[in-house]
Amino acid sequence: LLSIYAKGERPSGSSDPYALRRAGNGVLLILWERG
């Protein structure tokens, strides 16, 4: 997330070539599951 955003790329509409939304979901799911 940090590297691709620093590069200036963002997910838009259905375009998310680096699966950044999935990465964000992963961060949250891991924190929630581990408590």
Full PDB file with SEQRES, HELIX, SHEET, SSBOND, CRYST1, ORIGX, SCALE, CONECT and MASTER records, all heavy atoms in Angstrom:
SEQRES   1 A   35  LEU LEU SER ILE TYR ALA LYS GLY GLU ARG PRO SER GLY          
SEQRES   2 A   35  SER SER ASP PRO TYR ALA LEU ARG ARG ALA GLY ASN GLY          
SEQRES   3 A   35  VAL LEU LEU ILE LEU TRP GLU ARG GLY                          
HELIX    1 AA1 LEU A    2  ALA A    6  1                                   5    
HELIX    2 AA2 LEU A   20  ARG A   34  1                                  15    
CRYST1    1.000    1.000    1.000  90.00  90.00  90.00 P 1           1          
ORIGX1      1.000000  0.000000  0.000000        0.00000                         
ORIGX2      0.000000  1.000000  0.000000        0.00000                         
ORIGX3      0.000000  0.000000  1.000000        0.00000                         
SCALE1      1.000000  0.000000  0.000000        0.00000                         
SCALE2      0.000000  1.000000  0.000000        0.00000                         
SCALE3      0.000000  0.000000  1.000000        0.00000                         
ATOM      1  N   LEU A   1       0.825  -1.207   0.000  1.00  0.00           N  
ATOM      2  CA  LEU A   1       0.000   0.000   0.000  1.00  0.00           C  
ATOM      3  C   LEU A   1       0.860   1.259   0.000  1.00  0.00           C  
ATOM      4  O   LEU A   1       0.637   2.186  -0.793  1.00  0.00           O  
ATOM      5  CB  LEU A   1      -0.931  -0.009   1.219  1.00  0.00           C  
ATOM      6  CG  LEU A   1      -2.034  -1.074   1.221  1.00  0.00           C  
ATOM      7  CD1 LEU A   1      -2.705  -1.136   2.588  1.00  0.00           C  
ATOM      8  CD2 LEU A   1      -3.059  -0.783   0.145  1.00  0.00           C  
ATOM      9  N   LEU A   2       1.843   1.305   0.876  1.00  0.00           N  
ATOM     10  CA  LEU A   2       2.698   2.489   0.973  1.00  0.00           C  
ATOM     11  C   LEU A   2       3.474   2.726  -0.314  1.00  0.00           C  
ATOM     12  O   LEU A   2       3.547   3.861  -0.812  1.00  0.00           O  
ATOM     13  CB  LEU A   2       3.667   2.325   2.148  1.00  0.00           C  
ATOM     14  CG  LEU A   2       3.066   2.523   3.548  1.00  0.00           C  
ATOM     15  CD1 LEU A   2       3.920   1.817   4.602  1.00  0.00           C  
ATOM     16  CD2 LEU A   2       2.943   4.018   3.867  1.00  0.00           C  
ATOM     17  N   SER A   3       4.040   1.676  -0.881  1.00  0.00           N  
ATOM     18  CA  SER A   3       4.898   1.836  -2.054  1.00  0.00           C  
ATOM     19  C   SER A   3       4.101   2.230  -3.292  1.00  0.00           C  
ATOM     20  O   SER A   3       4.495   3.144  -4.032  1.00  0.00           O  
ATOM     21  CB  SER A   3       5.670   0.537  -2.315  1.00  0.00           C  
ATOM     22  OG  SER A   3       6.547   0.257  -1.238  1.00  0.00           O  
ATOM     23  N   ILE A   4       2.997   1.566  -3.535  1.00  0.00           N  
ATOM     24  CA  ILE A   4       2.216   1.873  -4.734  1.00  0.00           C  
ATOM     25  C   ILE A   4       1.562   3.244  -4.603  1.00  0.00           C  
ATOM     26  O   ILE A   4       1.503   4.021  -5.568  1.00  0.00           O  
ATOM     27  CB  ILE A   4       1.161   0.782  -4.989  1.00  0.00           C  
ATOM     28  CG1 ILE A   4       1.849  -0.584  -5.179  1.00  0.00           C  
ATOM     29  CG2 ILE A   4       0.331   1.118  -6.210  1.00  0.00           C  
ATOM     30  CD1 ILE A   4       2.866  -0.634  -6.302  1.00  0.00           C  
ATOM     31  N   TYR A   5       1.089   3.585  -3.411  1.00  0.00           N  
ATOM     32  CA  TYR A   5       0.516   4.918  -3.204  1.00  0.00           C  
ATOM     33  C   TYR A   5       1.599   5.996  -3.317  1.00  0.00           C  
ATOM     34  O   TYR A   5       1.345   7.077  -3.855  1.00  0.00           O  
ATOM     35  CB  TYR A   5      -0.179   4.993  -1.850  1.00  0.00           C  
ATOM     36  CG  TYR A   5      -1.665   4.710  -1.921  1.00  0.00           C  
ATOM     37  CD1 TYR A   5      -2.138   3.483  -2.351  1.00  0.00           C  
ATOM     38  CD2 TYR A   5      -2.599   5.674  -1.560  1.00  0.00           C  
ATOM     39  CE1 TYR A   5      -3.498   3.215  -2.424  1.00  0.00           C  
ATOM     40  CE2 TYR A   5      -3.961   5.427  -1.625  1.00  0.00           C  
ATOM     41  CZ  TYR A   5      -4.403   4.192  -2.062  1.00  0.00           C  
ATOM     42  OH  TYR A   5      -5.752   3.935  -2.144  1.00  0.00           O  
ATOM     43  N   ALA A   6       2.787   5.724  -2.796  1.00  0.00           N  
ATOM     44  CA  ALA A   6       3.876   6.697  -2.918  1.00  0.00           C  
ATOM     45  C   ALA A   6       4.230   6.940  -4.376  1.00  0.00           C  
ATOM     46  O   ALA A   6       4.589   8.053  -4.776  1.00  0.00           O  
ATOM     47  CB  ALA A   6       5.102   6.202  -2.153  1.00  0.00           C  
ATOM     48  N   LYS A   7       4.081   5.903  -5.174  1.00  0.00           N  
ATOM     49  CA  LYS A   7       4.356   6.007  -6.611  1.00  0.00           C  
ATOM     50  C   LYS A   7       3.301   6.841  -7.330  1.00  0.00           C  
ATOM     51  O   LYS A   7       3.503   7.272  -8.464  1.00  0.00           O  
ATOM     52  CB  LYS A   7       4.409   4.594  -7.197  1.00  0.00           C  
ATOM     53  CG  LYS A   7       4.903   4.498  -8.613  1.00  0.00           C  
ATOM     54  CD  LYS A   7       4.839   3.051  -9.086  1.00  0.00           C  
ATOM     55  CE  LYS A   7       5.208   2.986 -10.562  1.00  0.00           C  
ATOM     56  NZ  LYS A   7       4.814   1.724 -11.170  1.00  0.00           N  
ATOM     57  N   GLY A   8       2.173   7.050  -6.669  1.00  0.00           N  
ATOM     58  CA  GLY A   8       1.123   7.882  -7.247  1.00  0.00           C  
ATOM     59  C   GLY A   8      -0.019   7.118  -7.868  1.00  0.00           C  
ATOM     60  O   GLY A   8      -0.920   7.722  -8.459  1.00  0.00           O  
ATOM     61  N   GLU A   9      -0.039   5.796  -7.747  1.00  0.00           N  
ATOM     62  CA  GLU A   9      -1.117   5.002  -8.333  1.00  0.00           C  
ATOM     63  C   GLU A   9      -2.192   4.723  -7.287  1.00  0.00           C  
ATOM     64  O   GLU A   9      -1.888   4.509  -6.115  1.00  0.00           O  
ATOM     65  CB  GLU A   9      -0.570   3.696  -8.912  1.00  0.00           C  
ATOM     66  CG  GLU A   9       0.433   3.923 -10.030  1.00  0.00           C  
ATOM     67  CD  GLU A   9       0.759   2.643 -10.786  1.00  0.00           C  
ATOM     68  OE1 GLU A   9      -0.120   1.773 -10.876  1.00  0.00           O  
ATOM     69  OE2 GLU A   9       1.901   2.526 -11.269  1.00  0.00           O  
ATOM     70  N   ARG A  10      -3.446   4.714  -7.761  1.00  0.00           N  
ATOM     71  CA  ARG A  10      -4.589   4.500  -6.874  1.00  0.00           C  
ATOM     72  C   ARG A  10      -5.556   3.526  -7.544  1.00  0.00           C  
ATOM     73  O   ARG A  10      -5.682   3.525  -8.771  1.00  0.00           O  
ATOM     74  CB  ARG A  10      -5.342   5.814  -6.593  1.00  0.00           C  
ATOM     75  CG  ARG A  10      -4.489   6.958  -6.037  1.00  0.00           C  
ATOM     76  CD  ARG A  10      -4.122   6.716  -4.593  1.00  0.00           C  
ATOM     77  NE  ARG A  10      -3.440   7.855  -3.998  1.00  0.00           N  
ATOM     78  CZ  ARG A  10      -2.126   8.049  -4.042  1.00  0.00           C  
ATOM     79  NH1 ARG A  10      -1.346   7.170  -4.665  1.00  0.00           N  
ATOM     80  NH2 ARG A  10      -1.587   9.105  -3.457  1.00  0.00           N  
ATOM     81  N   PRO A  11      -6.265   2.723  -6.767  1.00  0.00           N  
ATOM     82  CA  PRO A  11      -7.333   1.923  -7.375  1.00  0.00           C  
ATOM     83  C   PRO A  11      -8.473   2.835  -7.801  1.00  0.00           C  
ATOM     84  O   PRO A  11      -8.803   3.797  -7.102  1.00  0.00           O  
ATOM     85  CB  PRO A  11      -7.765   0.980  -6.243  1.00  0.00           C  
ATOM     86  CG  PRO A  11      -7.366   1.674  -4.985  1.00  0.00           C  
ATOM     87  CD  PRO A  11      -6.155   2.497  -5.312  1.00  0.00           C  
ATOM     88  N   SER A  12      -9.068   2.545  -8.952  1.00  0.00           N  
ATOM     89  CA  SER A  12     -10.172   3.382  -9.425  1.00  0.00           C  
ATOM     90  C   SER A  12     -11.185   2.506 -10.137  1.00  0.00           C  
ATOM     91  O   SER A  12     -10.832   1.741 -11.033  1.00  0.00           O  
ATOM     92  CB  SER A  12      -9.658   4.464 -10.385  1.00  0.00           C  
ATOM     93  OG  SER A  12      -9.018   3.873 -11.501  1.00  0.00           O  
ATOM     94  N   GLY A  13     -12.446   2.623  -9.741  1.00  0.00           N  
ATOM     95  CA  GLY A  13     -13.490   1.822 -10.369  1.00  0.00           C  
ATOM     96  C   GLY A  13     -13.175   0.340 -10.253  1.00  0.00           C  
ATOM     97  O   GLY A  13     -12.875  -0.174  -9.180  1.00  0.00           O  
ATOM     98  N   SER A  14     -13.206  -0.340 -11.388  1.00  0.00           N  
ATOM     99  CA  SER A  14     -12.889  -1.774 -11.397  1.00  0.00           C  
ATOM    100  C   SER A  14     -11.407  -2.027 -11.613  1.00  0.00           C  
ATOM    101  O   SER A  14     -10.967  -3.177 -11.635  1.00  0.00           O  
ATOM    102  CB  SER A  14     -13.688  -2.476 -12.502  1.00  0.00           C  
ATOM    103  OG  SER A  14     -13.344  -1.928 -13.773  1.00  0.00           O  
ATOM    104  N   SER A  15     -10.613  -0.969 -11.777  1.00  0.00           N  
ATOM    105  CA  SER A  15      -9.182  -1.117 -12.034  1.00  0.00           C  
ATOM    106  C   SER A  15      -8.397  -1.091 -10.723  1.00  0.00           C  
ATOM    107  O   SER A  15      -8.395  -0.087 -10.007  1.00  0.00           O  
ATOM    108  CB  SER A  15      -8.690   0.011 -12.947  1.00  0.00           C  
ATOM    109  OG  SER A  15      -7.289  -0.062 -13.136  1.00  0.00           O  
ATOM    110  N   ASP A  16      -7.776  -2.207 -10.428  1.00  0.00           N  
ATOM    111  CA  ASP A  16      -6.950  -2.313  -9.217  1.00  0.00           C  
ATOM    112  C   ASP A  16      -5.851  -3.345  -9.483  1.00  0.00           C  
ATOM    113  O   ASP A  16      -5.842  -4.432  -8.912  1.00  0.00           O  
ATOM    114  CB  ASP A  16      -7.817  -2.725  -8.021  1.00  0.00           C  
ATOM    115  CG  ASP A  16      -7.064  -2.663  -6.695  1.00  0.00           C  
ATOM    116  OD1 ASP A  16      -5.905  -2.196  -6.688  1.00  0.00           O  
ATOM    117  OD2 ASP A  16      -7.624  -3.102  -5.673  1.00  0.00           O  
ATOM    118  N   PRO A  17      -4.917  -3.005 -10.390  1.00  0.00           N  
ATOM    119  CA  PRO A  17      -3.942  -4.010 -10.848  1.00  0.00           C  
ATOM    120  C   PRO A  17      -3.036  -4.558  -9.760  1.00  0.00           C  
ATOM    121  O   PRO A  17      -2.530  -5.681  -9.882  1.00  0.00           O  
ATOM    122  CB  PRO A  17      -3.134  -3.258 -11.915  1.00  0.00           C  
ATOM    123  CG  PRO A  17      -3.355  -1.809 -11.624  1.00  0.00           C  
ATOM    124  CD  PRO A  17      -4.727  -1.710 -11.055  1.00  0.00           C  
ATOM    125  N   TYR A  18      -2.813  -3.808  -8.705  1.00  0.00           N  
ATOM    126  CA  TYR A  18      -1.961  -4.283  -7.614  1.00  0.00           C  
ATOM    127  C   TYR A  18      -2.771  -4.890  -6.463  1.00  0.00           C  
ATOM    128  O   TYR A  18      -2.204  -5.205  -5.415  1.00  0.00           O  
ATOM    129  CB  TYR A  18      -1.091  -3.144  -7.082  1.00  0.00           C  
ATOM    130  CG  TYR A  18      -0.029  -2.681  -8.055  1.00  0.00           C  
ATOM    131  CD1 TYR A  18      -0.230  -1.544  -8.843  1.00  0.00           C  
ATOM    132  CD2 TYR A  18       1.168  -3.372  -8.202  1.00  0.00           C  
ATOM    133  CE1 TYR A  18       0.736  -1.109  -9.736  1.00  0.00           C  
ATOM    134  CE2 TYR A  18       2.144  -2.944  -9.090  1.00  0.00           C  
ATOM    135  CZ  TYR A  18       1.917  -1.814  -9.856  1.00  0.00           C  
ATOM    136  OH  TYR A  18       2.879  -1.389 -10.742  1.00  0.00           O  
ATOM    137  N   ALA A  19      -4.075  -5.029  -6.653  1.00  0.00           N  
ATOM    138  CA  ALA A  19      -4.960  -5.598  -5.624  1.00  0.00           C  
ATOM    139  C   ALA A  19      -4.804  -4.859  -4.298  1.00  0.00           C  
ATOM    140  O   ALA A  19      -4.682  -5.458  -3.229  1.00  0.00           O  
ATOM    141  CB  ALA A  19      -4.695  -7.087  -5.443  1.00  0.00           C  
ATOM    142  N   LEU A  20      -4.834  -3.516  -4.370  1.00  0.00           N  
ATOM    143  CA  LEU A  20      -4.654  -2.699  -3.170  1.00  0.00           C  
ATOM    144  C   LEU A  20      -5.858  -2.806  -2.237  1.00  0.00           C  
ATOM    145  O   LEU A  20      -5.695  -2.790  -1.012  1.00  0.00           O  
ATOM    146  CB  LEU A  20      -4.412  -1.242  -3.568  1.00  0.00           C  
ATOM    147  CG  LEU A  20      -3.173  -0.999  -4.446  1.00  0.00           C  
ATOM    148  CD1 LEU A  20      -3.085   0.466  -4.860  1.00  0.00           C  
ATOM    149  CD2 LEU A  20      -1.904  -1.423  -3.725  1.00  0.00           C  
ATOM    150  N   ARG A  21      -7.049  -2.900  -2.807  1.00  0.00           N  
ATOM    151  CA  ARG A  21      -8.232  -3.052  -1.946  1.00  0.00           C  
ATOM    152  C   ARG A  21      -8.150  -4.371  -1.178  1.00  0.00           C  
ATOM    153  O   ARG A  21      -8.485  -4.433   0.007  1.00  0.00           O  
ATOM    154  CB  ARG A  21      -9.507  -3.001  -2.788  1.00  0.00           C  
ATOM    155  CG  ARG A  21      -9.755  -1.672  -3.493  1.00  0.00           C  
ATOM    156  CD  ARG A  21     -11.129  -1.664  -4.137  1.00  0.00           C  
ATOM    157  NE  ARG A  21     -11.385  -0.453  -4.902  1.00  0.00           N  
ATOM    158  CZ  ARG A  21     -11.300  -0.370  -6.228  1.00  0.00           C  
ATOM    159  NH1 ARG A  21     -10.958  -1.441  -6.928  1.00  0.00           N  
ATOM    160  NH2 ARG A  21     -11.563   0.758  -6.853  1.00  0.00           N  
ATOM    161  N   ARG A  22      -7.724  -5.413  -1.863  1.00  0.00           N  
ATOM    162  CA  ARG A  22      -7.589  -6.707  -1.194  1.00  0.00           C  
ATOM    163  C   ARG A  22      -6.539  -6.634  -0.098  1.00  0.00           C  
ATOM    164  O   ARG A  22      -6.687  -7.236   0.967  1.00  0.00           O  
ATOM    165  CB  ARG A  22      -7.227  -7.783  -2.224  1.00  0.00           C  
ATOM    166  CG  ARG A  22      -7.233  -9.197  -1.650  1.00  0.00           C  
ATOM    167  CD  ARG A  22      -7.075 -10.205  -2.759  1.00  0.00           C  
ATOM    168  NE  ARG A  22      -5.771 -10.126  -3.388  1.00  0.00           N  
ATOM    169  CZ  ARG A  22      -5.452 -10.718  -4.537  1.00  0.00           C  
ATOM    170  NH1 ARG A  22      -6.367 -11.396  -5.201  1.00  0.00           N  
ATOM    171  NH2 ARG A  22      -4.245 -10.622  -5.035  1.00  0.00           N  
ATOM    172  N   ALA A  23      -5.453  -5.886  -0.354  1.00  0.00           N  
ATOM    173  CA  ALA A  23      -4.424  -5.720   0.669  1.00  0.00           C  
ATOM    174  C   ALA A  23      -4.993  -4.997   1.885  1.00  0.00           C  
ATOM    175  O   ALA A  23      -4.716  -5.370   3.039  1.00  0.00           O  
ATOM    176  CB  ALA A  23      -3.230  -4.955   0.099  1.00  0.00           C  
ATOM    177  N   GLY A  24      -5.800  -3.956   1.653  1.00  0.00           N  
ATOM    178  CA  GLY A  24      -6.419  -3.253   2.767  1.00  0.00           C  
ATOM    179  C   GLY A  24      -7.347  -4.152   3.564  1.00  0.00           C  
ATOM    180  O   GLY A  24      -7.346  -4.136   4.801  1.00  0.00           O  
ATOM    181  N   ASN A  25      -8.140  -4.951   2.847  1.00  0.00           N  
ATOM    182  CA  ASN A  25      -9.000  -5.916   3.538  1.00  0.00           C  
ATOM    183  C   ASN A  25      -8.177  -6.870   4.387  1.00  0.00           C  
ATOM    184  O   ASN A  25      -8.555  -7.215   5.512  1.00  0.00           O  
ATOM    185  CB  ASN A  25      -9.816  -6.717   2.523  1.00  0.00           C  
ATOM    186  CG  ASN A  25     -10.947  -5.912   1.915  1.00  0.00           C  
ATOM    187  OD1 ASN A  25     -11.306  -4.861   2.419  1.00  0.00           O  
ATOM    188  ND2 ASN A  25     -11.495  -6.394   0.821  1.00  0.00           N  
ATOM    189  N   GLY A  26      -7.057  -7.323   3.829  1.00  0.00           N  
ATOM    190  CA  GLY A  26      -6.207  -8.264   4.553  1.00  0.00           C  
ATOM    191  C   GLY A  26      -5.685  -7.679   5.854  1.00  0.00           C  
ATOM    192  O   GLY A  26      -5.665  -8.355   6.892  1.00  0.00           O  
ATOM    193  N   VAL A  27      -5.260  -6.424   5.829  1.00  0.00           N  
ATOM    194  CA  VAL A  27      -4.779  -5.760   7.045  1.00  0.00           C  
ATOM    195  C   VAL A  27      -5.855  -5.794   8.125  1.00  0.00           C  
ATOM    196  O   VAL A  27      -5.606  -6.166   9.287  1.00  0.00           O  
ATOM    197  CB  VAL A  27      -4.362  -4.303   6.742  1.00  0.00           C  
ATOM    198  CG1 VAL A  27      -4.121  -3.531   8.034  1.00  0.00           C  
ATOM    199  CG2 VAL A  27      -3.102  -4.280   5.870  1.00  0.00           C  
ATOM    200  N   LEU A  28      -7.059  -5.422   7.754  1.00  0.00           N  
ATOM    201  CA  LEU A  28      -8.152  -5.356   8.735  1.00  0.00           C  
ATOM    202  C   LEU A  28      -8.534  -6.739   9.254  1.00  0.00           C  
ATOM    203  O   LEU A  28      -8.717  -6.933  10.466  1.00  0.00           O  
ATOM    204  CB  LEU A  28      -9.370  -4.682   8.099  1.00  0.00           C  
ATOM    205  CG  LEU A  28      -9.157  -3.230   7.669  1.00  0.00           C  
ATOM    206  CD1 LEU A  28     -10.310  -2.740   6.828  1.00  0.00           C  
ATOM    207  CD2 LEU A  28      -8.961  -2.338   8.887  1.00  0.00           C  
ATOM    208  N   LEU A  29      -8.662  -7.691   8.336  1.00  0.00           N  
ATOM    209  CA  LEU A  29      -9.079  -9.036   8.749  1.00  0.00           C  
ATOM    210  C   LEU A  29      -8.066  -9.657   9.703  1.00  0.00           C  
ATOM    211  O   LEU A  29      -8.439 -10.333  10.670  1.00  0.00           O  
ATOM    212  CB  LEU A  29      -9.263  -9.922   7.513  1.00  0.00           C  
ATOM    213  CG  LEU A  29     -10.479  -9.587   6.640  1.00  0.00           C  
ATOM    214  CD1 LEU A  29     -10.425 -10.372   5.339  1.00  0.00           C  
ATOM    215  CD2 LEU A  29     -11.772  -9.884   7.386  1.00  0.00           C  
ATOM    216  N   ILE A  30      -6.782  -9.439   9.444  1.00  0.00           N  
ATOM    217  CA  ILE A  30      -5.746 -10.002  10.321  1.00  0.00           C  
ATOM    218  C   ILE A  30      -5.823  -9.362  11.700  1.00  0.00           C  
ATOM    219  O   ILE A  30      -5.783 -10.051  12.730  1.00  0.00           O  
ATOM    220  CB  ILE A  30      -4.354  -9.809   9.689  1.00  0.00           C  
ATOM    221  CG1 ILE A  30      -4.216 -10.692   8.443  1.00  0.00           C  
ATOM    222  CG2 ILE A  30      -3.254 -10.154  10.693  1.00  0.00           C  
ATOM    223  CD1 ILE A  30      -3.007 -10.370   7.583  1.00  0.00           C  
ATOM    224  N   LEU A  31      -5.925  -8.039  11.744  1.00  0.00           N  
ATOM    225  CA  LEU A  31      -6.011  -7.357  13.044  1.00  0.00           C  
ATOM    226  C   LEU A  31      -7.250  -7.800  13.811  1.00  0.00           C  
ATOM    227  O   LEU A  31      -7.194  -8.054  15.019  1.00  0.00           O  
ATOM    228  CB  LEU A  31      -6.027  -5.842  12.840  1.00  0.00           C  
ATOM    229  CG  LEU A  31      -4.720  -5.206  12.358  1.00  0.00           C  
ATOM    230  CD1 LEU A  31      -4.915  -3.726  12.087  1.00  0.00           C  
ATOM    231  CD2 LEU A  31      -3.598  -5.414  13.374  1.00  0.00           C  
ATOM    232  N   TRP A  32      -8.372  -7.895  13.133  1.00  0.00           N  
ATOM    233  CA  TRP A  32      -9.610  -8.307  13.797  1.00  0.00           C  
ATOM    234  C   TRP A  32      -9.500  -9.737  14.319  1.00  0.00           C  
ATOM    235  O   TRP A  32      -9.924 -10.033  15.433  1.00  0.00           O  
ATOM    236  CB  TRP A  32     -10.789  -8.185  12.830  1.00  0.00           C  
ATOM    237  CG  TRP A  32     -11.182  -6.765  12.540  1.00  0.00           C  
ATOM    238  CD1 TRP A  32     -10.820  -5.656  13.243  1.00  0.00           C  
ATOM    239  CD2 TRP A  32     -12.020  -6.302  11.476  1.00  0.00           C  
ATOM    240  NE1 TRP A  32     -11.365  -4.531  12.687  1.00  0.00           N  
ATOM    241  CE2 TRP A  32     -12.117  -4.887  11.605  1.00  0.00           C  
ATOM    242  CE3 TRP A  32     -12.689  -6.924  10.434  1.00  0.00           C  
ATOM    243  CZ2 TRP A  32     -12.871  -4.111  10.715  1.00  0.00           C  
ATOM    244  CZ3 TRP A  32     -13.437  -6.147   9.557  1.00  0.00           C  
ATOM    245  CH2 TRP A  32     -13.525  -4.764   9.693  1.00  0.00           C  
ATOM    246  N   GLU A  33      -8.940 -10.613  13.495  1.00  0.00           N  
ATOM    247  CA  GLU A  33      -8.869 -12.021  13.902  1.00  0.00           C  
ATOM    248  C   GLU A  33      -7.880 -12.222  15.044  1.00  0.00           C  
ATOM    249  O   GLU A  33      -8.132 -13.001  15.965  1.00  0.00           O  
ATOM    250  CB  GLU A  33      -8.482 -12.876  12.691  1.00  0.00           C  
ATOM    251  CG  GLU A  33      -8.722 -14.360  12.848  1.00  0.00           C  
ATOM    252  CD  GLU A  33      -7.561 -15.078  13.513  1.00  0.00           C  
ATOM    253  OE1 GLU A  33      -6.439 -14.540  13.471  1.00  0.00           O  
ATOM    254  OE2 GLU A  33      -7.770 -16.185  14.063  1.00  0.00           O  
ATOM    255  N   ARG A  34      -6.748 -11.500  15.031  1.00  0.00           N  
ATOM    256  CA  ARG A  34      -5.746 -11.649  16.092  1.00  0.00           C  
ATOM    257  C   ARG A  34      -6.140 -10.876  17.354  1.00  0.00           C  
ATOM    258  O   ARG A  34      -5.584 -11.128  18.427  1.00  0.00           O  
ATOM    259  CB  ARG A  34      -4.369 -11.150  15.640  1.00  0.00           C  
ATOM    260  CG  ARG A  34      -3.774 -11.767  14.398  1.00  0.00           C  
ATOM    261  CD  ARG A  34      -3.740 -13.270  14.395  1.00  0.00           C  
ATOM    262  NE  ARG A  34      -2.840 -13.836  15.386  1.00  0.00           N  
ATOM    263  CZ  ARG A  34      -2.701 -15.152  15.585  1.00  0.00           C  
ATOM    264  NH1 ARG A  34      -3.422 -16.002  14.884  1.00  0.00           N  
ATOM    265  NH2 ARG A  34      -1.878 -15.609  16.488  1.00  0.00           N  
ATOM    266  N   GLY A  35      -7.054  -9.913  17.209  1.00  0.00           N  
ATOM    267  CA  GLY A  35      -7.432  -9.101  18.366  1.00  0.00           C  
ATOM    268  C   GLY A  35      -6.359  -8.101  18.758  1.00  0.00           C  
ATOM    269  O   GLY A  35      -6.294  -7.680  19.918  1.00  0.00           O  
TER     270      GLY A  35                                                      
MASTER        0    0    0    2    0    0    0    6  269    1    0    3          
END                                                                             
